[in-house]
Amino acid sequence: MRQTTISRSTAETEITVEINLDGTGSYENDTGVGFFDHMLDQLARHSLIDMKISAKGDLHIDDHHTVEDVGITLGQALTKALGDKRGIRRYGSCLLPMDDALVRTALDLSARPFLIWDVDLPTPKIGTFDTELVREFFQALSTHGGITLHVDMLHGFNSHHIAEAAFKSVARALREAVEVDPRKSGDIPSTKGAL
């Protein structure tokens, strides 16, 4: 069963994440942060990972704790749903255009978290959303999902397009990486025998 539910409760946030790696990209995301919900919807739709995320956070302070803690919890859910990672493709990549934006993602579900983030969001806000939180989300996802994640912006001048291209690009790369490889469905994709 490549699906799981993870809950995280702190003094700052209460979060529940349900995912199904073998889904169709259905989503029901409610974090109280409109633009972030829109990005999570893109992540689900384009990864084909069914996603239901509920978050209640200290939004009277700002969106930071909610966005970061969703990244943490989603990363933990991915790790749990992948189990020993037997049979997965492990690697994924995507070059994704969205109008003026072009974003490249390459990732490895290696259990060795590392984020390379070469993305310049030219405005400090998208609506009321702090653009610096895009990186914070992917840092938390990478760390708690055990993902080596490289995200590079090749072109772009519209912050909304760049951020959305980043989420969609990561989603497509994740879709590829979590898929079961029919040629090696019983094997762990590493010469070490473990990931």
N, C-alpha and C. Protein backbone atom coordinates (compact mmCIF):
# COMPACT_ATOMS: atom_id res chain seq x y z
N MET A 1 0.84 -1.19 0.00
CA MET A 1 0.00 0.00 0.00
C MET A 1 0.88 1.24 0.00
N ARG A 2 0.86 1.98 -1.07
CA ARG A 2 1.70 3.17 -1.18
C ARG A 2 0.88 4.42 -0.87
N GLN A 3 0.22 4.35 0.28
CA GLN A 3 -0.56 5.50 0.73
C GLN A 3 -0.42 5.62 2.24
N THR A 4 -0.59 6.82 2.75
CA THR A 4 -0.42 7.02 4.18
C THR A 4 -1.08 8.31 4.62
N THR A 5 -1.25 8.42 5.92
CA THR A 5 -1.72 9.64 6.56
C THR A 5 -0.74 9.99 7.67
N ILE A 6 -0.31 11.23 7.70
CA ILE A 6 0.61 11.72 8.73
C ILE A 6 0.00 12.98 9.35
N SER A 7 0.05 13.07 10.66
CA SER A 7 -0.39 14.28 11.36
C SER A 7 0.77 14.85 12.14
N ARG A 8 0.79 16.18 12.22
CA ARG A 8 1.83 16.89 12.96
C ARG A 8 1.15 18.00 13.75
N SER A 9 1.42 18.05 15.06
CA SER A 9 0.83 19.06 15.90
C SER A 9 1.91 19.75 16.72
N THR A 10 1.97 21.07 16.60
CA THR A 10 2.91 21.87 17.38
C THR A 10 2.16 23.05 17.98
N ALA A 11 2.85 23.87 18.71
CA ALA A 11 2.24 25.08 19.25
C ALA A 11 1.89 26.08 18.15
N GLU A 12 2.47 25.87 16.95
CA GLU A 12 2.27 26.81 15.84
C GLU A 12 1.29 26.31 14.78
N THR A 13 1.24 24.98 14.57
CA THR A 13 0.41 24.44 13.49
C THR A 13 -0.18 23.09 13.87
N GLU A 14 -1.29 22.77 13.22
CA GLU A 14 -1.89 21.43 13.25
C GLU A 14 -2.13 21.01 11.82
N ILE A 15 -1.46 19.93 11.40
CA ILE A 15 -1.46 19.55 9.99
C ILE A 15 -1.75 18.07 9.85
N THR A 16 -2.59 17.73 8.87
CA THR A 16 -2.80 16.34 8.48
C THR A 16 -2.60 16.24 6.97
N VAL A 17 -1.79 15.27 6.57
CA VAL A 17 -1.51 15.03 5.16
C VAL A 17 -1.88 13.59 4.83
N GLU A 18 -2.72 13.41 3.82
CA GLU A 18 -3.04 12.08 3.29
C GLU A 18 -2.57 12.03 1.84
N ILE A 19 -1.81 10.99 1.49
CA ILE A 19 -1.37 10.85 0.10
C ILE A 19 -1.53 9.42 -0.39
N ASN A 20 -1.69 9.30 -1.69
CA ASN A 20 -1.71 8.00 -2.37
C ASN A 20 -0.80 8.14 -3.59
N LEU A 21 0.34 7.46 -3.56
CA LEU A 21 1.31 7.58 -4.65
C LEU A 21 0.78 7.03 -5.97
N ASP A 22 -0.19 6.15 -5.91
CA ASP A 22 -0.73 5.53 -7.11
C ASP A 22 -2.09 6.11 -7.47
N GLY A 23 -2.24 7.39 -7.24
CA GLY A 23 -3.51 8.06 -7.47
C GLY A 23 -3.65 8.60 -8.88
N THR A 24 -4.54 9.56 -9.01
CA THR A 24 -4.82 10.19 -10.29
C THR A 24 -4.57 11.69 -10.26
N GLY A 25 -4.03 12.18 -9.13
CA GLY A 25 -3.78 13.61 -8.99
C GLY A 25 -4.94 14.36 -8.40
N SER A 26 -5.85 13.66 -7.73
CA SER A 26 -6.96 14.36 -7.07
C SER A 26 -6.42 15.11 -5.85
N TYR A 27 -7.10 16.17 -5.47
CA TYR A 27 -6.58 16.99 -4.36
C TYR A 27 -7.72 17.65 -3.60
N GLU A 28 -7.42 17.89 -2.33
CA GLU A 28 -8.31 18.64 -1.44
C GLU A 28 -7.40 19.29 -0.41
N ASN A 29 -6.93 20.48 -0.74
CA ASN A 29 -5.93 21.15 0.09
C ASN A 29 -6.50 22.42 0.70
N ASP A 30 -6.38 22.52 2.02
CA ASP A 30 -6.90 23.68 2.74
C ASP A 30 -5.93 24.06 3.84
N THR A 31 -5.09 25.04 3.54
CA THR A 31 -4.10 25.49 4.52
C THR A 31 -4.42 26.87 5.08
N GLY A 32 -5.42 27.52 4.51
CA GLY A 32 -5.71 28.89 4.90
C GLY A 32 -4.88 29.92 4.17
N VAL A 33 -3.99 29.44 3.30
CA VAL A 33 -3.11 30.32 2.51
C VAL A 33 -3.46 30.08 1.04
N GLY A 34 -4.21 31.00 0.46
CA GLY A 34 -4.79 30.78 -0.86
C GLY A 34 -3.81 30.44 -1.96
N PHE A 35 -2.75 31.23 -2.11
CA PHE A 35 -1.79 30.95 -3.17
C PHE A 35 -1.09 29.62 -2.94
N PHE A 36 -0.78 29.31 -1.69
CA PHE A 36 -0.12 28.05 -1.36
C PHE A 36 -1.03 26.87 -1.69
N ASP A 37 -2.32 26.98 -1.38
CA ASP A 37 -3.26 25.92 -1.76
C ASP A 37 -3.24 25.69 -3.27
N HIS A 38 -3.21 26.78 -4.02
CA HIS A 38 -3.15 26.70 -5.48
C HIS A 38 -1.90 25.95 -5.93
N MET A 39 -0.78 26.19 -5.28
CA MET A 39 0.47 25.49 -5.63
C MET A 39 0.41 24.01 -5.23
N LEU A 40 -0.16 23.71 -4.07
CA LEU A 40 -0.30 22.32 -3.66
C LEU A 40 -1.23 21.55 -4.60
N ASP A 41 -2.26 22.24 -5.09
CA ASP A 41 -3.15 21.61 -6.07
C ASP A 41 -2.36 21.25 -7.33
N GLN A 42 -1.47 22.14 -7.76
CA GLN A 42 -0.62 21.87 -8.93
C GLN A 42 0.31 20.68 -8.66
N LEU A 43 0.86 20.64 -7.45
CA LEU A 43 1.77 19.55 -7.08
C LEU A 43 1.05 18.20 -7.17
N ALA A 44 -0.16 18.14 -6.67
CA ALA A 44 -0.93 16.90 -6.73
C ALA A 44 -1.30 16.55 -8.16
N ARG A 45 -1.89 17.50 -8.87
CA ARG A 45 -2.39 17.25 -10.22
C ARG A 45 -1.29 16.73 -11.15
N HIS A 46 -0.13 17.35 -11.10
CA HIS A 46 0.91 17.02 -12.07
C HIS A 46 1.84 15.89 -11.62
N SER A 47 1.79 15.51 -10.35
CA SER A 47 2.54 14.34 -9.89
C SER A 47 1.70 13.08 -9.97
N LEU A 48 0.38 13.24 -10.11
CA LEU A 48 -0.60 12.15 -10.03
C LEU A 48 -0.62 11.50 -8.66
N ILE A 49 -0.13 12.23 -7.65
CA ILE A 49 -0.21 11.78 -6.27
C ILE A 49 -1.48 12.40 -5.67
N ASP A 50 -2.43 11.55 -5.26
CA ASP A 50 -3.62 12.06 -4.59
C ASP A 50 -3.18 12.72 -3.28
N MET A 51 -3.71 13.90 -3.00
CA MET A 51 -3.25 14.68 -1.88
C MET A 51 -4.42 15.34 -1.17
N LYS A 52 -4.50 15.14 0.12
CA LYS A 52 -5.46 15.85 0.95
C LYS A 52 -4.68 16.43 2.12
N ILE A 53 -4.60 17.75 2.15
CA ILE A 53 -3.80 18.43 3.17
C ILE A 53 -4.69 19.42 3.90
N SER A 54 -4.72 19.29 5.22
CA SER A 54 -5.47 20.21 6.06
C SER A 54 -4.48 20.82 7.05
N ALA A 55 -4.48 22.15 7.12
CA ALA A 55 -3.55 22.83 8.03
C ALA A 55 -4.25 24.00 8.72
N LYS A 56 -4.01 24.09 10.00
CA LYS A 56 -4.43 25.26 10.77
C LYS A 56 -3.18 25.79 11.44
N GLY A 57 -2.83 27.03 11.09
CA GLY A 57 -1.59 27.60 11.61
C GLY A 57 -1.79 28.99 12.16
N ASP A 58 -0.71 29.52 12.68
CA ASP A 58 -0.73 30.85 13.29
C ASP A 58 -0.62 31.94 12.22
N LEU A 59 -1.63 31.98 11.36
CA LEU A 59 -1.62 32.92 10.24
C LEU A 59 -1.74 34.36 10.69
N HIS A 60 -2.13 34.59 11.94
CA HIS A 60 -2.16 35.95 12.47
C HIS A 60 -0.75 36.51 12.62
N ILE A 61 0.25 35.62 12.66
CA ILE A 61 1.65 36.05 12.68
C ILE A 61 2.13 36.23 11.25
N ASP A 62 2.18 35.13 10.50
CA ASP A 62 2.41 35.15 9.05
C ASP A 62 2.21 33.73 8.54
N ASP A 63 2.53 33.50 7.27
CA ASP A 63 2.30 32.18 6.66
C ASP A 63 3.46 31.21 6.84
N HIS A 64 4.57 31.69 7.40
CA HIS A 64 5.82 30.92 7.40
C HIS A 64 5.66 29.54 8.04
N HIS A 65 5.16 29.49 9.28
CA HIS A 65 5.10 28.21 9.99
C HIS A 65 4.18 27.22 9.26
N THR A 66 3.08 27.73 8.73
CA THR A 66 2.14 26.84 8.02
C THR A 66 2.79 26.25 6.78
N VAL A 67 3.43 27.08 5.97
CA VAL A 67 4.03 26.59 4.72
C VAL A 67 5.17 25.62 5.02
N GLU A 68 6.05 25.99 5.94
CA GLU A 68 7.18 25.12 6.27
C GLU A 68 6.71 23.79 6.87
N ASP A 69 5.75 23.85 7.78
CA ASP A 69 5.30 22.62 8.44
C ASP A 69 4.52 21.71 7.49
N VAL A 70 3.84 22.27 6.51
CA VAL A 70 3.23 21.43 5.48
C VAL A 70 4.33 20.71 4.69
N GLY A 71 5.42 21.42 4.37
CA GLY A 71 6.55 20.78 3.69
C GLY A 71 7.15 19.65 4.50
N ILE A 72 7.30 19.88 5.80
CA ILE A 72 7.83 18.83 6.70
C ILE A 72 6.91 17.61 6.68
N THR A 73 5.62 17.85 6.87
CA THR A 73 4.65 16.75 6.99
C THR A 73 4.48 16.00 5.68
N LEU A 74 4.46 16.73 4.57
CA LEU A 74 4.36 16.08 3.26
C LEU A 74 5.61 15.25 2.98
N GLY A 75 6.77 15.76 3.34
CA GLY A 75 8.01 14.99 3.18
C GLY A 75 7.97 13.70 3.99
N GLN A 76 7.49 13.79 5.24
CA GLN A 76 7.38 12.59 6.08
C GLN A 76 6.39 11.59 5.49
N ALA A 77 5.30 12.10 4.92
CA ALA A 77 4.30 11.22 4.30
C ALA A 77 4.88 10.52 3.07
N LEU A 78 5.64 11.23 2.26
CA LEU A 78 6.28 10.61 1.10
C LEU A 78 7.23 9.50 1.54
N THR A 79 8.03 9.77 2.55
CA THR A 79 8.98 8.76 3.05
C THR A 79 8.25 7.51 3.52
N LYS A 80 7.18 7.71 4.28
CA LYS A 80 6.43 6.56 4.80
C LYS A 80 5.75 5.79 3.67
N ALA A 81 5.14 6.50 2.73
CA ALA A 81 4.42 5.82 1.64
C ALA A 81 5.37 5.06 0.72
N LEU A 82 6.60 5.53 0.57
CA LEU A 82 7.57 4.86 -0.29
C LEU A 82 8.17 3.61 0.35
N GLY A 83 8.09 3.51 1.68
CA GLY A 83 8.61 2.33 2.36
C GLY A 83 10.09 2.12 2.06
N ASP A 84 10.46 0.89 1.66
CA ASP A 84 11.87 0.62 1.36
C ASP A 84 12.24 1.01 -0.07
N LYS A 85 11.29 1.59 -0.79
CA LYS A 85 11.49 2.12 -2.15
C LYS A 85 11.74 1.04 -3.19
N ARG A 86 11.37 -0.17 -2.84
CA ARG A 86 11.53 -1.28 -3.77
C ARG A 86 10.75 -1.03 -5.05
N GLY A 87 11.42 -1.15 -6.18
CA GLY A 87 10.77 -1.08 -7.47
C GLY A 87 10.56 0.29 -8.06
N ILE A 88 10.86 1.36 -7.32
CA ILE A 88 10.63 2.69 -7.87
C ILE A 88 11.72 3.06 -8.88
N ARG A 89 11.40 4.04 -9.71
CA ARG A 89 12.39 4.54 -10.67
C ARG A 89 13.48 5.34 -9.97
N ARG A 90 13.17 5.96 -8.86
CA ARG A 90 14.08 6.69 -7.98
C ARG A 90 14.42 8.09 -8.47
N TYR A 91 14.76 8.24 -9.73
CA TYR A 91 15.16 9.53 -10.29
C TYR A 91 14.02 10.12 -11.11
N GLY A 92 13.98 11.45 -11.14
CA GLY A 92 13.01 12.13 -12.00
C GLY A 92 13.54 13.48 -12.41
N SER A 93 13.09 13.94 -13.56
CA SER A 93 13.49 15.27 -14.02
C SER A 93 12.39 15.84 -14.90
N CYS A 94 12.41 17.17 -15.02
CA CYS A 94 11.42 17.84 -15.85
C CYS A 94 11.92 19.22 -16.22
N LEU A 95 11.73 19.57 -17.47
CA LEU A 95 11.98 20.92 -17.97
C LEU A 95 10.61 21.48 -18.30
N LEU A 96 10.15 22.46 -17.50
CA LEU A 96 8.76 22.88 -17.62
C LEU A 96 8.64 24.36 -17.97
N PRO A 97 7.98 24.66 -19.10
CA PRO A 97 7.71 26.05 -19.47
C PRO A 97 6.34 26.50 -18.97
N MET A 98 6.26 27.74 -18.56
CA MET A 98 4.97 28.37 -18.27
C MET A 98 5.09 29.84 -18.66
N ASP A 99 4.60 30.15 -19.84
CA ASP A 99 4.69 31.50 -20.38
C ASP A 99 6.15 31.98 -20.38
N ASP A 100 6.46 33.03 -19.63
CA ASP A 100 7.83 33.56 -19.60
C ASP A 100 8.78 32.69 -18.80
N ALA A 101 8.25 31.81 -17.96
CA ALA A 101 9.08 31.03 -17.03
C ALA A 101 9.48 29.68 -17.63
N LEU A 102 10.71 29.29 -17.35
CA LEU A 102 11.20 27.96 -17.71
C LEU A 102 12.00 27.45 -16.52
N VAL A 103 11.54 26.35 -15.93
CA VAL A 103 12.15 25.81 -14.71
C VAL A 103 12.54 24.36 -14.95
N ARG A 104 13.75 24.03 -14.51
CA ARG A 104 14.28 22.66 -14.63
C ARG A 104 14.40 22.05 -13.23
N THR A 105 13.90 20.84 -13.09
CA THR A 105 14.03 20.09 -11.85
C THR A 105 14.67 18.74 -12.12
N ALA A 106 15.58 18.35 -11.24
CA ALA A 106 16.12 16.99 -11.23
C ALA A 106 16.12 16.55 -9.78
N LEU A 107 15.67 15.31 -9.54
CA LEU A 107 15.62 14.86 -8.14
C LEU A 107 15.95 13.37 -8.04
N ASP A 108 16.36 13.00 -6.84
CA ASP A 108 16.73 11.63 -6.51
C ASP A 108 16.12 11.32 -5.14
N LEU A 109 15.31 10.28 -5.08
CA LEU A 109 14.72 9.84 -3.81
C LEU A 109 15.73 8.97 -3.07
N SER A 110 16.82 9.57 -2.71
CA SER A 110 18.04 8.89 -2.26
C SER A 110 18.11 8.67 -0.77
N ALA A 111 17.24 9.32 0.01
CA ALA A 111 17.35 9.40 1.47
C ALA A 111 18.52 10.28 1.89
N ARG A 112 19.09 11.03 0.94
CA ARG A 112 20.15 11.99 1.24
C ARG A 112 19.63 13.38 0.87
N PRO A 113 19.01 14.06 1.84
CA PRO A 113 18.41 15.35 1.52
C PRO A 113 19.43 16.42 1.17
N PHE A 114 19.16 17.12 0.09
CA PHE A 114 20.01 18.24 -0.32
C PHE A 114 19.20 19.08 -1.29
N LEU A 115 19.18 20.38 -1.06
CA LEU A 115 18.45 21.27 -1.94
C LEU A 115 19.41 22.24 -2.61
N ILE A 116 19.37 22.27 -3.94
CA ILE A 116 19.99 23.33 -4.72
C ILE A 116 18.84 24.14 -5.30
N TRP A 117 18.78 25.40 -4.95
CA TRP A 117 17.66 26.27 -5.33
C TRP A 117 18.22 27.48 -6.05
N ASP A 118 18.15 27.47 -7.37
CA ASP A 118 18.63 28.59 -8.17
C ASP A 118 17.42 29.20 -8.88
N VAL A 119 16.57 29.82 -8.07
CA VAL A 119 15.32 30.41 -8.55
C VAL A 119 15.24 31.83 -8.01
N ASP A 120 15.06 32.77 -8.89
CA ASP A 120 14.96 34.18 -8.51
C ASP A 120 13.53 34.65 -8.72
N LEU A 121 12.81 34.82 -7.62
CA LEU A 121 11.46 35.36 -7.70
C LEU A 121 11.58 36.87 -7.55
N PRO A 122 11.30 37.63 -8.61
CA PRO A 122 11.67 39.05 -8.65
C PRO A 122 10.85 39.97 -7.74
N THR A 123 9.70 39.50 -7.25
CA THR A 123 8.91 40.34 -6.36
C THR A 123 8.86 39.70 -4.96
N PRO A 124 8.75 40.51 -3.91
CA PRO A 124 8.69 39.93 -2.56
C PRO A 124 7.37 39.26 -2.23
N LYS A 125 6.31 39.58 -3.00
CA LYS A 125 4.99 39.03 -2.73
C LYS A 125 4.33 38.58 -4.03
N ILE A 126 3.48 37.56 -3.91
CA ILE A 126 2.52 37.20 -4.95
C ILE A 126 1.17 37.36 -4.25
N GLY A 127 0.46 38.43 -4.54
CA GLY A 127 -0.71 38.78 -3.73
C GLY A 127 -0.23 39.11 -2.33
N THR A 128 -0.70 38.34 -1.35
CA THR A 128 -0.25 38.53 0.03
C THR A 128 0.79 37.48 0.45
N PHE A 129 1.15 36.60 -0.47
CA PHE A 129 2.06 35.48 -0.17
C PHE A 129 3.52 35.91 -0.31
N ASP A 130 4.32 35.65 0.73
CA ASP A 130 5.75 35.96 0.69
C ASP A 130 6.47 34.97 -0.23
N THR A 131 7.10 35.48 -1.28
CA THR A 131 7.72 34.58 -2.25
C THR A 131 8.88 33.78 -1.67
N GLU A 132 9.53 34.27 -0.61
CA GLU A 132 10.63 33.51 0.00
C GLU A 132 10.14 32.17 0.57
N LEU A 133 8.82 32.05 0.79
CA LEU A 133 8.28 30.81 1.35
C LEU A 133 8.28 29.66 0.34
N VAL A 134 8.41 29.96 -0.94
CA VAL A 134 8.48 28.88 -1.93
C VAL A 134 9.72 28.03 -1.65
N ARG A 135 10.85 28.70 -1.45
CA ARG A 135 12.07 27.96 -1.12
C ARG A 135 11.94 27.23 0.22
N GLU A 136 11.34 27.89 1.20
CA GLU A 136 11.18 27.26 2.52
C GLU A 136 10.38 25.97 2.42
N PHE A 137 9.34 25.96 1.61
CA PHE A 137 8.56 24.75 1.42
C PHE A 137 9.41 23.63 0.83
N PHE A 138 10.16 23.93 -0.23
CA PHE A 138 10.95 22.89 -0.88
C PHE A 138 12.12 22.44 -0.01
N GLN A 139 12.67 23.34 0.81
CA GLN A 139 13.71 22.93 1.75
C GLN A 139 13.16 21.91 2.74
N ALA A 140 11.98 22.18 3.30
CA ALA A 140 11.36 21.26 4.25
C ALA A 140 10.99 19.94 3.59
N LEU A 141 10.44 20.00 2.38
CA LEU A 141 10.08 18.79 1.64
C LEU A 141 11.30 17.93 1.36
N SER A 142 12.37 18.57 0.91
CA SER A 142 13.61 17.86 0.61
C SER A 142 14.19 17.20 1.86
N THR A 143 14.27 17.97 2.92
CA THR A 143 14.87 17.47 4.17
C THR A 143 14.10 16.29 4.73
N HIS A 144 12.79 16.42 4.83
CA HIS A 144 11.98 15.40 5.50
C HIS A 144 11.52 14.30 4.56
N GLY A 145 11.66 14.53 3.25
CA GLY A 145 11.37 13.48 2.27
C GLY A 145 12.62 12.73 1.84
N GLY A 146 13.79 13.15 2.33
CA GLY A 146 15.04 12.49 1.94
C GLY A 146 15.31 12.63 0.46
N ILE A 147 15.09 13.83 -0.07
CA ILE A 147 15.18 14.05 -1.51
C ILE A 147 16.38 14.93 -1.84
N THR A 148 17.22 14.48 -2.75
CA THR A 148 18.19 15.36 -3.38
C THR A 148 17.43 16.10 -4.48
N LEU A 149 17.32 17.42 -4.33
CA LEU A 149 16.43 18.20 -5.18
C LEU A 149 17.15 19.41 -5.75
N HIS A 150 17.23 19.47 -7.07
CA HIS A 150 17.81 20.61 -7.76
C HIS A 150 16.71 21.30 -8.56
N VAL A 151 16.51 22.60 -8.29
CA VAL A 151 15.51 23.37 -9.02
C VAL A 151 16.20 24.63 -9.55
N ASP A 152 16.17 24.78 -10.87
CA ASP A 152 16.85 25.90 -11.53
C ASP A 152 15.88 26.65 -12.42
N MET A 153 15.83 27.96 -12.26
CA MET A 153 15.06 28.82 -13.16
C MET A 153 15.96 29.21 -14.32
N LEU A 154 15.55 28.88 -15.52
CA LEU A 154 16.33 29.22 -16.70
C LEU A 154 15.88 30.54 -17.30
N HIS A 155 14.57 30.82 -17.19
CA HIS A 155 14.01 32.08 -17.69
C HIS A 155 12.84 32.46 -16.80
N GLY A 156 12.48 33.74 -16.83
CA GLY A 156 11.27 34.17 -16.15
C GLY A 156 11.36 35.57 -15.61
N PHE A 157 10.21 36.27 -15.63
CA PHE A 157 10.16 37.59 -15.02
C PHE A 157 8.89 37.80 -14.20
N ASN A 158 7.92 36.89 -14.30
CA ASN A 158 6.68 37.00 -13.55
C ASN A 158 6.74 36.02 -12.37
N SER A 159 6.68 36.54 -11.15
CA SER A 159 6.86 35.70 -9.96
C SER A 159 5.83 34.58 -9.87
N HIS A 160 4.57 34.86 -10.21
CA HIS A 160 3.54 33.84 -10.16
C HIS A 160 3.88 32.70 -11.13
N HIS A 161 4.26 33.05 -12.35
CA HIS A 161 4.60 32.03 -13.34
C HIS A 161 5.82 31.21 -12.91
N ILE A 162 6.81 31.88 -12.35
CA ILE A 162 8.03 31.18 -11.93
C ILE A 162 7.72 30.20 -10.80
N ALA A 163 6.99 30.66 -9.79
CA ALA A 163 6.65 29.79 -8.66
C ALA A 163 5.81 28.61 -9.13
N GLU A 164 4.83 28.87 -9.97
CA GLU A 164 3.96 27.79 -10.44
C GLU A 164 4.73 26.81 -11.31
N ALA A 165 5.63 27.31 -12.14
CA ALA A 165 6.47 26.42 -12.95
C ALA A 165 7.35 25.55 -12.06
N ALA A 166 7.84 26.10 -10.96
CA ALA A 166 8.66 25.32 -10.03
C ALA A 166 7.85 24.18 -9.42
N PHE A 167 6.65 24.48 -8.94
CA PHE A 167 5.81 23.43 -8.35
C PHE A 167 5.45 22.37 -9.38
N LYS A 168 5.10 22.79 -10.58
CA LYS A 168 4.73 21.82 -11.62
C LYS A 168 5.92 20.99 -12.06
N SER A 169 7.09 21.61 -12.14
CA SER A 169 8.29 20.89 -12.55
C SER A 169 8.68 19.84 -11.50
N VAL A 170 8.64 20.24 -10.23
CA VAL A 170 8.92 19.26 -9.16
C VAL A 170 7.87 18.15 -9.19
N ALA A 171 6.62 18.51 -9.43
CA ALA A 171 5.56 17.50 -9.48
C ALA A 171 5.82 16.47 -10.56
N ARG A 172 6.17 16.92 -11.76
CA ARG A 172 6.41 15.99 -12.87
C ARG A 172 7.63 15.09 -12.59
N ALA A 173 8.65 15.68 -11.97
CA ALA A 173 9.83 14.88 -11.62
C ALA A 173 9.48 13.85 -10.55
N LEU A 174 8.66 14.25 -9.57
CA LEU A 174 8.23 13.30 -8.54
C LEU A 174 7.41 12.17 -9.13
N ARG A 175 6.53 12.52 -10.06
CA ARG A 175 5.70 11.50 -10.73
C ARG A 175 6.59 10.41 -11.32
N GLU A 176 7.64 10.83 -12.00
CA GLU A 176 8.56 9.88 -12.63
C GLU A 176 9.30 9.06 -11.58
N ALA A 177 9.77 9.71 -10.53
CA ALA A 177 10.62 9.04 -9.54
C ALA A 177 9.86 8.03 -8.69
N VAL A 178 8.59 8.31 -8.35
CA VAL A 178 7.86 7.38 -7.47
C VAL A 178 7.21 6.24 -8.24
N GLU A 179 7.17 6.33 -9.57
CA GLU A 179 6.56 5.27 -10.36
C GLU A 179 7.31 3.95 -10.20
N VAL A 180 6.56 2.87 -10.25
CA VAL A 180 7.17 1.54 -10.21
C VAL A 180 7.72 1.24 -11.60
N ASP A 181 8.97 0.81 -11.63
CA ASP A 181 9.64 0.45 -12.88
C ASP A 181 9.28 -0.99 -13.22
N PRO A 182 8.54 -1.24 -14.28
CA PRO A 182 8.11 -2.61 -14.58
C PRO A 182 9.27 -3.57 -14.85
N ARG A 183 10.43 -3.03 -15.20
CA ARG A 183 11.59 -3.89 -15.47
C ARG A 183 12.32 -4.29 -14.19
N LYS A 184 12.06 -3.57 -13.08
CA LYS A 184 12.76 -3.85 -11.82
C LYS A 184 11.82 -3.71 -10.63
N SER A 185 10.60 -4.18 -10.77
CA SER A 185 9.57 -3.92 -9.77
C SER A 185 9.85 -4.55 -8.40
N GLY A 186 10.71 -5.53 -8.34
CA GLY A 186 11.00 -6.17 -7.05
C GLY A 186 12.31 -5.73 -6.42
N ASP A 187 13.05 -4.89 -7.09
CA ASP A 187 14.39 -4.55 -6.62
C ASP A 187 14.45 -3.13 -6.03
N ILE A 188 15.37 -2.96 -5.10
CA ILE A 188 15.68 -1.63 -4.59
C ILE A 188 16.65 -0.98 -5.56
N PRO A 189 16.37 0.23 -6.05
CA PRO A 189 17.20 0.83 -7.10
C PRO A 189 18.50 1.43 -6.59
N SER A 190 19.35 0.55 -6.07
CA SER A 190 20.67 0.98 -5.56
C SER A 190 21.58 -0.24 -5.50
N THR A 191 22.84 -0.06 -5.83
CA THR A 191 23.81 -1.16 -5.70
C THR A 191 24.10 -1.45 -4.23
N LYS A 192 23.73 -0.54 -3.34
CA LYS A 192 23.91 -0.77 -1.89
C LYS A 192 22.89 -1.75 -1.35
N GLY A 193 21.76 -1.91 -2.05
CA GLY A 193 20.71 -2.79 -1.59
C GLY A 193 19.75 -2.11 -0.62
N ALA A 194 19.95 -0.81 -0.38
CA ALA A 194 19.06 -0.06 0.52
C ALA A 194 19.14 1.41 0.15
N LEU A 195 18.03 2.09 0.39
CA LEU A 195 17.97 3.55 0.21
C LEU A 195 17.44 4.17 1.49
